[in-house]
Amino acid sequence: PVASGKLISAAVVPHGDFAYDPKLVNDTGGSVKLHVACEGLGRQLSAESPEMIFLTTPHGLELSERYMFYLNRENSGATPLDDMPHAAKGRKVALNFTTPSAVARSLLQRLKARSLPVEGLEGFSDSQPLPISWGEILPLTYLRSYGKLPPVVPMSFPLRRFNHSAEMFDELLLLGSEIGQFLDQLPQRVLWLVSADLAHTHLKTGPYGYCPCAQPYDDACSKWAAAGGSLEALQDAKEYQRKGAMSCGFTGLVALQGFLKAAGWKGTVLANEHPTYYGMMVAKFSPVAFVV
């Protein structure tokens, strides 16, 4: 038999435009490799028939201090493909999904009971969708390509991640551990999806300049994922993040590590490239089959 548990798999998926459409950068810099990996992962994950997705996003609706859960039943948006300097003028990618509000509220209550800094948001008396954009839309398109999206429970990271993500490390591990325990007890088959890009300081000409820590950060993320969640590699990534890697996805990786550290799962890196100033990684985590 295989290891039981309702969390059936986890994945790190980029939300960068050039993984979605490599033509924006003329198929250069590993963009095609990233795109092929994203499409292949989407096919693989869809074949596992998840009945719910738990999605962490660094670019959603964000509170200043608290992690935020979306409580509306509907979520909808369209993101322009406008990553400079390779914007596709006028092109947008639209998506909508439902959220199982009762599950989101239950998870929120559990985390509040553990004194974690979480909050829920319901907008427009739940009569209209909450807005979503690139951080939620692009990673989910890879699954949508192969069938109807299951319900999604989105969680966003607070604004303090911009300057203090390294200091949030222990809090994120605890948060991820609690979330993992909750998801594992659900009757549904759940996929944990991390929307994440890596270091944003690969190029001197990029908007955030160059840091020699960028490539070592991305390499540490690969090492973390390939080991099925290496705490040591993630601590290395934390130091590079502190030095100026400027990865929007760091908090999502650490939250997932909170679950992985006790799960004993295996990890596979499908791609890790930086077509322009920021890095992107595609990785999958799965339970290890064992013989009794």
C-alpha atoms as a PDB file:
ATOM      1  CA  PRO A   1       0.000   0.000   0.000  1.00  0.00           C
ATOM      2  CA  VAL A   2       0.978   3.616  -0.399  1.00  0.00           C
ATOM      3  CA  ALA A   3       1.162   6.187   2.367  1.00  0.00           C
ATOM      4  CA  SER A   4      -2.338   7.424   3.150  1.00  0.00           C
ATOM      5  CA  GLY A   5      -3.341  11.025   3.744  1.00  0.00           C
ATOM      6  CA  LYS A   6      -5.601  13.528   2.107  1.00  0.00           C
ATOM      7  CA  LEU A   7      -2.856  15.840   0.910  1.00  0.00           C
ATOM      8  CA  ILE A   8      -2.075  14.009  -2.304  1.00  0.00           C
ATOM      9  CA  SER A   9       0.690  16.258  -3.656  1.00  0.00           C
ATOM     10  CA  ALA A  10       2.256  19.698  -3.579  1.00  0.00           C
ATOM     11  CA  ALA A  11       3.840  21.840  -6.258  1.00  0.00           C
ATOM     12  CA  VAL A  12       5.788  25.051  -6.748  1.00  0.00           C
ATOM     13  CA  VAL A  13       4.651  26.835  -9.905  1.00  0.00           C
ATOM     14  CA  PRO A  14       5.846  30.185 -11.308  1.00  0.00           C
ATOM     15  CA  HIS A  15       3.505  33.082 -12.017  1.00  0.00           C
ATOM     16  CA  GLY A  16       5.924  34.809 -14.413  1.00  0.00           C
ATOM     17  CA  ASP A  17       4.740  35.716 -17.909  1.00  0.00           C
ATOM     18  CA  PHE A  18       7.708  34.109 -19.660  1.00  0.00           C
ATOM     19  CA  ALA A  19       6.945  30.637 -18.314  1.00  0.00           C
ATOM     20  CA  TYR A  20       3.372  31.090 -19.524  1.00  0.00           C
ATOM     21  CA  ASP A  21       4.395  32.350 -22.974  1.00  0.00           C
ATOM     22  CA  PRO A  22       8.078  31.931 -23.957  1.00  0.00           C
ATOM     23  CA  LYS A  23       7.405  33.822 -27.208  1.00  0.00           C
ATOM     24  CA  LEU A  24       7.459  37.033 -25.151  1.00  0.00           C
ATOM     25  CA  VAL A  25      11.235  36.547 -24.836  1.00  0.00           C
ATOM     26  CA  ASN A  26      11.671  34.814 -28.201  1.00  0.00           C
ATOM     27  CA  ASP A  27      11.944  31.385 -26.551  1.00  0.00           C
ATOM     28  CA  THR A  28      15.254  32.384 -24.896  1.00  0.00           C
ATOM     29  CA  GLY A  29      16.842  31.922 -21.478  1.00  0.00           C
ATOM     30  CA  GLY A  30      15.207  28.673 -20.471  1.00  0.00           C
ATOM     31  CA  SER A  31      11.679  30.025 -21.007  1.00  0.00           C
ATOM     32  CA  VAL A  32      10.677  27.050 -23.183  1.00  0.00           C
ATOM     33  CA  LYS A  33      12.002  24.609 -20.592  1.00  0.00           C
ATOM     34  CA  LEU A  34       9.927  26.345 -17.906  1.00  0.00           C
ATOM     35  CA  HIS A  35       6.805  26.341 -20.072  1.00  0.00           C
ATOM     36  CA  VAL A  36       7.131  22.662 -20.982  1.00  0.00           C
ATOM     37  CA  ALA A  37       7.686  21.834 -17.293  1.00  0.00           C
ATOM     38  CA  CYS A  38       4.598  23.850 -16.241  1.00  0.00           C
ATOM     39  CA  GLU A  39       2.409  22.174 -18.861  1.00  0.00           C
ATOM     40  CA  GLY A  40       3.716  18.726 -17.960  1.00  0.00           C
ATOM     41  CA  LEU A  41       3.154  19.366 -14.274  1.00  0.00           C
ATOM     42  CA  GLY A  42      -0.379  20.604 -14.941  1.00  0.00           C
ATOM     43  CA  ARG A  43      -1.132  17.400 -16.834  1.00  0.00           C
ATOM     44  CA  GLN A  44       0.374  15.280 -14.048  1.00  0.00           C
ATOM     45  CA  LEU A  45      -1.481  17.073 -11.250  1.00  0.00           C
ATOM     46  CA  SER A  46      -4.809  16.963 -13.092  1.00  0.00           C
ATOM     47  CA  ALA A  47      -4.382  13.218 -13.593  1.00  0.00           C
ATOM     48  CA  GLU A  48      -4.191  12.844  -9.795  1.00  0.00           C
ATOM     49  CA  SER A  49      -7.777  14.212  -9.632  1.00  0.00           C
ATOM     50  CA  PRO A  50      -7.467  16.718  -6.774  1.00  0.00           C
ATOM     51  CA  GLU A  51     -10.853  17.664  -5.326  1.00  0.00           C
ATOM     52  CA  MET A  52      -9.534  20.874  -3.755  1.00  0.00           C
ATOM     53  CA  ILE A  53      -6.513  23.150  -4.151  1.00  0.00           C
ATOM     54  CA  PHE A  54      -4.891  25.094  -1.316  1.00  0.00           C
ATOM     55  CA  LEU A  55      -3.119  28.007  -3.036  1.00  0.00           C
ATOM     56  CA  THR A  56      -0.606  30.400  -1.501  1.00  0.00           C
ATOM     57  CA  THR A  57      -0.043  33.664  -3.376  1.00  0.00           C
ATOM     58  CA  PRO A  58       2.447  36.500  -2.813  1.00  0.00           C
ATOM     59  CA  HIS A  59       0.590  38.899  -5.135  1.00  0.00           C
ATOM     60  CA  GLY A  60      -3.050  38.693  -4.120  1.00  0.00           C
ATOM     61  CA  LEU A  61      -5.101  40.915  -1.838  1.00  0.00           C
ATOM     62  CA  GLU A  62      -2.698  41.562   1.024  1.00  0.00           C
ATOM     63  CA  LEU A  63      -2.997  42.790   4.584  1.00  0.00           C
ATOM     64  CA  SER A  64      -0.103  44.647   6.195  1.00  0.00           C
ATOM     65  CA  GLU A  65       0.593  42.190   9.048  1.00  0.00           C
ATOM     66  CA  ARG A  66      -1.656  39.127   8.762  1.00  0.00           C
ATOM     67  CA  TYR A  67      -1.971  36.144   6.441  1.00  0.00           C
ATOM     68  CA  MET A  68      -5.297  36.430   4.646  1.00  0.00           C
ATOM     69  CA  PHE A  69      -7.857  33.847   3.574  1.00  0.00           C
ATOM     70  CA  TYR A  70     -10.334  34.576   0.784  1.00  0.00           C
ATOM     71  CA  LEU A  71     -13.880  33.799   1.973  1.00  0.00           C
ATOM     72  CA  ASN A  72     -16.037  34.680  -1.048  1.00  0.00           C
ATOM     73  CA  ARG A  73     -17.542  31.767  -2.937  1.00  0.00           C
ATOM     74  CA  GLU A  74     -16.435  33.185  -6.297  1.00  0.00           C
ATOM     75  CA  ASN A  75     -13.116  34.644  -7.448  1.00  0.00           C
ATOM     76  CA  SER A  76     -12.503  36.156 -10.864  1.00  0.00           C
ATOM     77  CA  GLY A  77      -9.983  38.226 -12.801  1.00  0.00           C
ATOM     78  CA  ALA A  78      -7.899  38.791 -15.925  1.00  0.00           C
ATOM     79  CA  THR A  79      -4.173  39.513 -15.840  1.00  0.00           C
ATOM     80  CA  PRO A  80      -2.329  41.408 -18.578  1.00  0.00           C
ATOM     81  CA  LEU A  81       0.922  39.855 -19.816  1.00  0.00           C
ATOM     82  CA  ASP A  82       2.870  43.017 -19.086  1.00  0.00           C
ATOM     83  CA  ASP A  83       6.250  41.987 -17.639  1.00  0.00           C
ATOM     84  CA  MET A  84       8.620  44.692 -18.826  1.00  0.00           C
ATOM     85  CA  PRO A  85      10.381  45.129 -21.129  1.00  0.00           C
ATOM     86  CA  HIS A  86       8.597  42.315 -22.962  1.00  0.00           C
ATOM     87  CA  ALA A  87       4.941  43.265 -22.517  1.00  0.00           C
ATOM     88  CA  ALA A  88       2.335  41.747 -24.849  1.00  0.00           C
ATOM     89  CA  LYS A  89       0.160  44.788 -25.425  1.00  0.00           C
ATOM     90  CA  GLY A  90      -3.531  44.129 -24.918  1.00  0.00           C
ATOM     91  CA  ARG A  91      -3.218  40.407 -24.144  1.00  0.00           C
ATOM     92  CA  LYS A  92      -4.928  39.172 -20.999  1.00  0.00           C
ATOM     93  CA  VAL A  93      -5.397  35.793 -19.356  1.00  0.00           C
ATOM     94  CA  ALA A  94      -8.759  35.368 -17.619  1.00  0.00           C
ATOM     95  CA  LEU A  95      -9.721  32.853 -14.944  1.00  0.00           C
ATOM     96  CA  ASN A  96     -12.334  32.252 -12.304  1.00  0.00           C
ATOM     97  CA  PHE A  97     -12.688  29.665  -9.559  1.00  0.00           C
ATOM     98  CA  THR A  98     -14.887  28.864  -6.605  1.00  0.00           C
ATOM     99  CA  THR A  99     -13.799  28.760  -2.962  1.00  0.00           C
ATOM    100  CA  PRO A 100     -15.299  26.315  -0.440  1.00  0.00           C
ATOM    101  CA  SER A 101     -16.024  29.045   2.115  1.00  0.00           C
ATOM    102  CA  ALA A 102     -16.857  26.642   4.939  1.00  0.00           C
ATOM    103  CA  VAL A 103     -13.442  24.958   4.615  1.00  0.00           C
ATOM    104  CA  ALA A 104     -11.655  28.329   4.456  1.00  0.00           C
ATOM    105  CA  ARG A 105     -13.499  29.516   7.605  1.00  0.00           C
ATOM    106  CA  SER A 106     -12.701  26.269   9.419  1.00  0.00           C
ATOM    107  CA  LEU A 107      -9.000  26.574   8.602  1.00  0.00           C
ATOM    108  CA  LEU A 108      -9.036  30.217   9.662  1.00  0.00           C
ATOM    109  CA  GLN A 109     -10.583  29.320  13.029  1.00  0.00           C
ATOM    110  CA  ARG A 110      -8.023  26.569  13.629  1.00  0.00           C
ATOM    111  CA  LEU A 111      -5.119  28.927  12.952  1.00  0.00           C
ATOM    112  CA  LYS A 112      -6.624  31.666  15.115  1.00  0.00           C
ATOM    113  CA  ALA A 113      -6.988  29.134  17.936  1.00  0.00           C
ATOM    114  CA  ARG A 114      -3.226  28.536  17.605  1.00  0.00           C
ATOM    115  CA  SER A 115      -2.662  32.307  17.984  1.00  0.00           C
ATOM    116  CA  LEU A 116      -1.305  32.670  14.452  1.00  0.00           C
ATOM    117  CA  PRO A 117      -1.698  36.100  12.768  1.00  0.00           C
ATOM    118  CA  VAL A 118      -4.431  35.234  10.265  1.00  0.00           C
ATOM    119  CA  GLU A 119      -7.550  36.986   9.019  1.00  0.00           C
ATOM    120  CA  GLY A 120     -10.393  36.324   6.588  1.00  0.00           C
ATOM    121  CA  LEU A 121     -11.783  38.644   3.927  1.00  0.00           C
ATOM    122  CA  GLU A 122     -15.277  38.598   2.509  1.00  0.00           C
ATOM    123  CA  GLY A 123     -16.095  41.289  -0.052  1.00  0.00           C
ATOM    124  CA  PHE A 124     -19.270  42.735  -1.520  1.00  0.00           C
ATOM    125  CA  SER A 125     -21.545  40.723   0.826  1.00  0.00           C
ATOM    126  CA  ASP A 126     -20.348  37.663  -1.119  1.00  0.00           C
ATOM    127  CA  SER A 127     -22.608  38.767  -3.996  1.00  0.00           C
ATOM    128  CA  GLN A 128     -19.708  39.382  -6.405  1.00  0.00           C
ATOM    129  CA  PRO A 129     -16.341  37.663  -6.912  1.00  0.00           C
ATOM    130  CA  LEU A 130     -13.190  38.745  -5.129  1.00  0.00           C
ATOM    131  CA  PRO A 131     -10.582  39.969  -7.647  1.00  0.00           C
ATOM    132  CA  ILE A 132      -7.628  37.770  -8.608  1.00  0.00           C
ATOM    133  CA  SER A 133      -4.627  38.458 -10.853  1.00  0.00           C
ATOM    134  CA  TRP A 134      -1.289  37.046 -12.046  1.00  0.00           C
ATOM    135  CA  GLY A 135      -0.196  35.450  -8.768  1.00  0.00           C
ATOM    136  CA  GLU A 136      -3.309  33.280  -8.705  1.00  0.00           C
ATOM    137  CA  ILE A 137      -4.301  33.066 -12.377  1.00  0.00           C
ATOM    138  CA  LEU A 138      -1.120  31.981 -14.161  1.00  0.00           C
ATOM    139  CA  PRO A 139      -0.217  28.992 -11.927  1.00  0.00           C
ATOM    140  CA  LEU A 140      -3.786  27.688 -12.112  1.00  0.00           C
ATOM    141  CA  THR A 141      -3.968  27.909 -15.922  1.00  0.00           C
ATOM    142  CA  TYR A 142      -1.627  24.922 -16.199  1.00  0.00           C
ATOM    143  CA  LEU A 143      -4.185  22.734 -14.418  1.00  0.00           C
ATOM    144  CA  ARG A 144      -7.169  24.280 -16.184  1.00  0.00           C
ATOM    145  CA  SER A 145      -5.685  23.172 -19.519  1.00  0.00           C
ATOM    146  CA  TYR A 146      -6.519  19.562 -18.611  1.00  0.00           C
ATOM    147  CA  GLY A 147      -9.998  19.858 -17.122  1.00  0.00           C
ATOM    148  CA  LYS A 148     -12.235  21.856 -14.821  1.00  0.00           C
ATOM    149  CA  LEU A 149     -10.519  23.475 -11.858  1.00  0.00           C
ATOM    150  CA  PRO A 150     -11.567  22.083  -8.485  1.00  0.00           C
ATOM    151  CA  PRO A 151     -12.482  24.556  -5.714  1.00  0.00           C
ATOM    152  CA  VAL A 152      -9.551  26.652  -4.473  1.00  0.00           C
ATOM    153  CA  VAL A 153      -8.757  27.951  -0.964  1.00  0.00           C
ATOM    154  CA  PRO A 154      -6.404  30.937  -1.489  1.00  0.00           C
ATOM    155  CA  MET A 155      -4.154  32.418   1.199  1.00  0.00           C
ATOM    156  CA  SER A 156      -2.088  35.578   0.698  1.00  0.00           C
ATOM    157  CA  PHE A 157       1.047  36.676   2.526  1.00  0.00           C
ATOM    158  CA  PRO A 158       1.204  39.972   4.428  1.00  0.00           C
ATOM    159  CA  LEU A 159       2.973  43.070   3.116  1.00  0.00           C
ATOM    160  CA  ARG A 160       5.691  42.701   5.741  1.00  0.00           C
ATOM    161  CA  ARG A 161       7.114  39.885   3.588  1.00  0.00           C
ATOM    162  CA  PHE A 162       8.625  42.541   1.294  1.00  0.00           C
ATOM    163  CA  ASN A 163      11.222  43.610   3.852  1.00  0.00           C
ATOM    164  CA  HIS A 164      11.070  40.966   6.560  1.00  0.00           C
ATOM    165  CA  SER A 165      10.497  37.570   4.897  1.00  0.00           C
ATOM    166  CA  ALA A 166      13.696  36.092   6.376  1.00  0.00           C
ATOM    167  CA  GLU A 167      12.538  37.069   9.877  1.00  0.00           C
ATOM    168  CA  MET A 168       9.184  35.331   9.257  1.00  0.00           C
ATOM    169  CA  PHE A 169      10.910  31.932   8.860  1.00  0.00           C
ATOM    170  CA  ASP A 170       9.874  30.248  12.127  1.00  0.00           C
ATOM    171  CA  GLU A 171       6.370  31.686  12.017  1.00  0.00           C
ATOM    172  CA  LEU A 172       5.932  30.360   8.464  1.00  0.00           C
ATOM    173  CA  LEU A 173       7.107  26.873   9.474  1.00  0.00           C
ATOM    174  CA  LEU A 174       4.530  26.781  12.269  1.00  0.00           C
ATOM    175  CA  LEU A 175       1.797  28.147   9.996  1.00  0.00           C
ATOM    176  CA  GLY A 176       2.584  25.544   7.313  1.00  0.00           C
ATOM    177  CA  SER A 177       2.625  22.725   9.839  1.00  0.00           C
ATOM    178  CA  GLU A 178      -0.828  23.670  11.135  1.00  0.00           C
ATOM    179  CA  ILE A 179      -2.231  24.102   7.622  1.00  0.00           C
ATOM    180  CA  GLY A 180      -0.821  20.726   6.553  1.00  0.00           C
ATOM    181  CA  GLN A 181      -2.385  18.939   9.538  1.00  0.00           C
ATOM    182  CA  PHE A 182      -5.740  20.545   8.767  1.00  0.00           C
ATOM    183  CA  LEU A 183      -5.660  19.697   5.050  1.00  0.00           C
ATOM    184  CA  ASP A 184      -4.570  16.132   5.763  1.00  0.00           C
ATOM    185  CA  GLN A 185      -7.715  15.584   7.842  1.00  0.00           C
ATOM    186  CA  LEU A 186     -10.137  16.706   5.129  1.00  0.00           C
ATOM    187  CA  PRO A 187     -12.214  14.112   3.281  1.00  0.00           C
ATOM    188  CA  GLN A 188     -11.243  15.680  -0.066  1.00  0.00           C
ATOM    189  CA  ARG A 189      -8.095  14.930  -2.067  1.00  0.00           C
ATOM    190  CA  VAL A 190      -6.076  18.139  -1.673  1.00  0.00           C
ATOM    191  CA  LEU A 191      -3.268  19.656  -3.749  1.00  0.00           C
ATOM    192  CA  TRP A 192      -1.048  22.304  -2.081  1.00  0.00           C
ATOM    193  CA  LEU A 193       0.001  24.788  -4.779  1.00  0.00           C
ATOM    194  CA  VAL A 194       2.685  27.421  -4.136  1.00  0.00           C
ATOM    195  CA  SER A 195       2.655  30.371  -6.538  1.00  0.00           C
ATOM    196  CA  ALA A 196       6.277  31.515  -6.495  1.00  0.00           C
ATOM    197  CA  ASP A 197       9.031  33.151  -8.479  1.00  0.00           C
ATOM    198  CA  LEU A 198      12.630  33.077  -7.261  1.00  0.00           C
ATOM    199  CA  ALA A 199      15.338  35.766  -7.004  1.00  0.00           C
ATOM    200  CA  HIS A 200      14.496  39.053  -8.772  1.00  0.00           C
ATOM    201  CA  THR A 201      18.075  40.347  -8.843  1.00  0.00           C
ATOM    202  CA  HIS A 202      19.726  38.359 -11.648  1.00  0.00           C
ATOM    203  CA  LEU A 203      20.341  41.331 -13.946  1.00  0.00           C
ATOM    204  CA  LYS A 204      21.943  44.721 -13.456  1.00  0.00           C
ATOM    205  CA  THR A 205      19.483  46.062 -16.028  1.00  0.00           C
ATOM    206  CA  GLY A 206      16.474  44.627 -14.146  1.00  0.00           C
ATOM    207  CA  PRO A 207      14.179  46.813 -11.995  1.00  0.00           C
ATOM    208  CA  TYR A 208      15.835  45.606  -8.763  1.00  0.00           C
ATOM    209  CA  GLY A 209      19.459  45.611  -9.946  1.00  0.00           C
ATOM    210  CA  TYR A 210      21.982  42.794  -9.552  1.00  0.00           C
ATOM    211  CA  CYS A 211      22.901  40.792  -6.464  1.00  0.00           C
ATOM    212  CA  PRO A 212      25.559  38.034  -6.495  1.00  0.00           C
ATOM    213  CA  CYS A 213      23.185  36.226  -4.114  1.00  0.00           C
ATOM    214  CA  ALA A 214      20.559  35.661  -6.861  1.00  0.00           C
ATOM    215  CA  GLN A 215      21.937  32.484  -8.467  1.00  0.00           C
ATOM    216  CA  PRO A 216      22.969  30.898  -5.142  1.00  0.00           C
ATOM    217  CA  TYR A 217      19.431  31.583  -3.883  1.00  0.00           C
ATOM    218  CA  ASP A 218      17.858  29.854  -6.890  1.00  0.00           C
ATOM    219  CA  ASP A 219      20.301  26.944  -6.538  1.00  0.00           C
ATOM    220  CA  ALA A 220      19.433  26.551  -2.851  1.00  0.00           C
ATOM    221  CA  CYS A 221      15.736  26.399  -3.795  1.00  0.00           C
ATOM    222  CA  SER A 222      16.471  23.570  -6.247  1.00  0.00           C
ATOM    223  CA  LYS A 223      18.426  21.733  -3.574  1.00  0.00           C
ATOM    224  CA  TRP A 224      15.537  22.215  -1.129  1.00  0.00           C
ATOM    225  CA  ALA A 225      12.962  20.843  -3.574  1.00  0.00           C
ATOM    226  CA  ALA A 226      15.065  17.935  -4.879  1.00  0.00           C
ATOM    227  CA  ALA A 227      15.481  16.681  -1.308  1.00  0.00           C
ATOM    228  CA  GLY A 228      11.729  16.704  -0.705  1.00  0.00           C
ATOM    229  CA  GLY A 229      12.118  19.687   1.616  1.00  0.00           C
ATOM    230  CA  SER A 230      15.644  20.181   2.968  1.00  0.00           C
ATOM    231  CA  LEU A 231      15.536  22.530   5.947  1.00  0.00           C
ATOM    232  CA  GLU A 232      19.277  23.148   5.613  1.00  0.00           C
ATOM    233  CA  ALA A 233      18.964  24.245   1.966  1.00  0.00           C
ATOM    234  CA  LEU A 234      16.020  26.493   2.816  1.00  0.00           C
ATOM    235  CA  GLN A 235      18.037  28.101   5.614  1.00  0.00           C
ATOM    236  CA  ASP A 236      20.751  28.801   3.025  1.00  0.00           C
ATOM    237  CA  ALA A 237      18.084  30.377   0.790  1.00  0.00           C
ATOM    238  CA  LYS A 238      16.983  32.481   3.766  1.00  0.00           C
ATOM    239  CA  GLU A 239      20.477  33.979   4.073  1.00  0.00           C
ATOM    240  CA  TYR A 240      20.585  34.823   0.356  1.00  0.00           C
ATOM    241  CA  GLN A 241      17.092  36.319   0.660  1.00  0.00           C
ATOM    242  CA  ARG A 242      18.369  38.458   3.529  1.00  0.00           C
ATOM    243  CA  LYS A 243      21.304  39.598   1.358  1.00  0.00           C
ATOM    244  CA  GLY A 244      19.008  40.793  -1.434  1.00  0.00           C
ATOM    245  CA  ALA A 245      17.717  37.913  -3.596  1.00  0.00           C
ATOM    246  CA  MET A 246      14.264  39.552  -3.447  1.00  0.00           C
ATOM    247  CA  SER A 247      12.258  36.397  -4.107  1.00  0.00           C
ATOM    248  CA  CYS A 248       8.497  36.927  -3.896  1.00  0.00           C
ATOM    249  CA  GLY A 249       8.045  33.170  -3.514  1.00  0.00           C
ATOM    250  CA  PHE A 250      10.237  32.631  -0.455  1.00  0.00           C
ATOM    251  CA  THR A 251       7.401  32.783   2.093  1.00  0.00           C
ATOM    252  CA  GLY A 252       5.417  30.195   0.107  1.00  0.00           C
ATOM    253  CA  LEU A 253       8.337  27.758   0.084  1.00  0.00           C
ATOM    254  CA  VAL A 254       8.850  28.102   3.838  1.00  0.00           C
ATOM    255  CA  ALA A 255       5.146  27.596   4.606  1.00  0.00           C
ATOM    256  CA  LEU A 256       5.168  24.400   2.522  1.00  0.00           C
ATOM    257  CA  GLN A 257       8.334  23.289   4.349  1.00  0.00           C
ATOM    258  CA  GLY A 258       6.327  23.492   7.582  1.00  0.00           C
ATOM    259  CA  PHE A 259       4.293  20.574   6.260  1.00  0.00           C
ATOM    260  CA  LEU A 260       7.087  18.757   4.409  1.00  0.00           C
ATOM    261  CA  LYS A 261       9.432  18.574   7.402  1.00  0.00           C
ATOM    262  CA  ALA A 262       7.195  15.975   9.041  1.00  0.00           C
ATOM    263  CA  ALA A 263       5.792  14.377   5.888  1.00  0.00           C
ATOM    264  CA  GLY A 264       8.786  12.457   4.511  1.00  0.00           C
ATOM    265  CA  TRP A 265       7.783  13.220   0.914  1.00  0.00           C
ATOM    266  CA  LYS A 266      10.005  13.070  -2.171  1.00  0.00           C
ATOM    267  CA  GLY A 267      10.650  16.068  -4.413  1.00  0.00           C
ATOM    268  CA  THR A 268      11.444  16.551  -8.091  1.00  0.00           C
ATOM    269  CA  VAL A 269      12.721  19.718  -9.756  1.00  0.00           C
ATOM    270  CA  LEU A 270      11.331  19.933 -13.290  1.00  0.00           C
ATOM    271  CA  ALA A 271      12.949  23.264 -14.223  1.00  0.00           C
ATOM    272  CA  ASN A 272      14.851  26.191 -12.679  1.00  0.00           C
ATOM    273  CA  GLU A 273      15.759  29.029 -15.056  1.00  0.00           C
ATOM    274  CA  HIS A 274      15.877  32.829 -15.267  1.00  0.00           C
ATOM    275  CA  PRO A 275      14.905  34.029 -18.770  1.00  0.00           C
ATOM    276  CA  THR A 276      15.202  37.664 -17.597  1.00  0.00           C
ATOM    277  CA  TYR A 277      15.911  39.347 -14.244  1.00  0.00           C
ATOM    278  CA  TYR A 278      13.937  36.892 -12.102  1.00  0.00           C
ATOM    279  CA  GLY A 279      14.232  33.158 -11.576  1.00  0.00           C
ATOM    280  CA  MET A 280      11.448  30.591 -11.794  1.00  0.00           C
ATOM    281  CA  MET A 281      11.243  27.003 -10.582  1.00  0.00           C
ATOM    282  CA  VAL A 282       8.813  24.189 -11.314  1.00  0.00           C
ATOM    283  CA  ALA A 283       8.823  21.441  -8.676  1.00  0.00           C
ATOM    284  CA  LYS A 284       6.581  18.620  -7.491  1.00  0.00           C
ATOM    285  CA  PHE A 285       6.342  16.884  -4.120  1.00  0.00           C
ATOM    286  CA  SER A 286       4.670  13.516  -3.541  1.00  0.00           C
ATOM    287  CA  PRO A 287       4.190  10.988  -0.747  1.00  0.00           C
ATOM    288  CA  VAL A 288       6.722   8.151  -0.793  1.00  0.00           C
ATOM    289  CA  ALA A 289       5.206   4.741  -1.404  1.00  0.00           C
ATOM    290  CA  PHE A 290       6.223   2.192   1.218  1.00  0.00           C
ATOM    291  CA  VAL A 291       5.883  -1.548   1.634  1.00  0.00           C
ATOM    292  CA  VAL A 292       4.455  -2.962   4.842  1.00  0.00           C
END
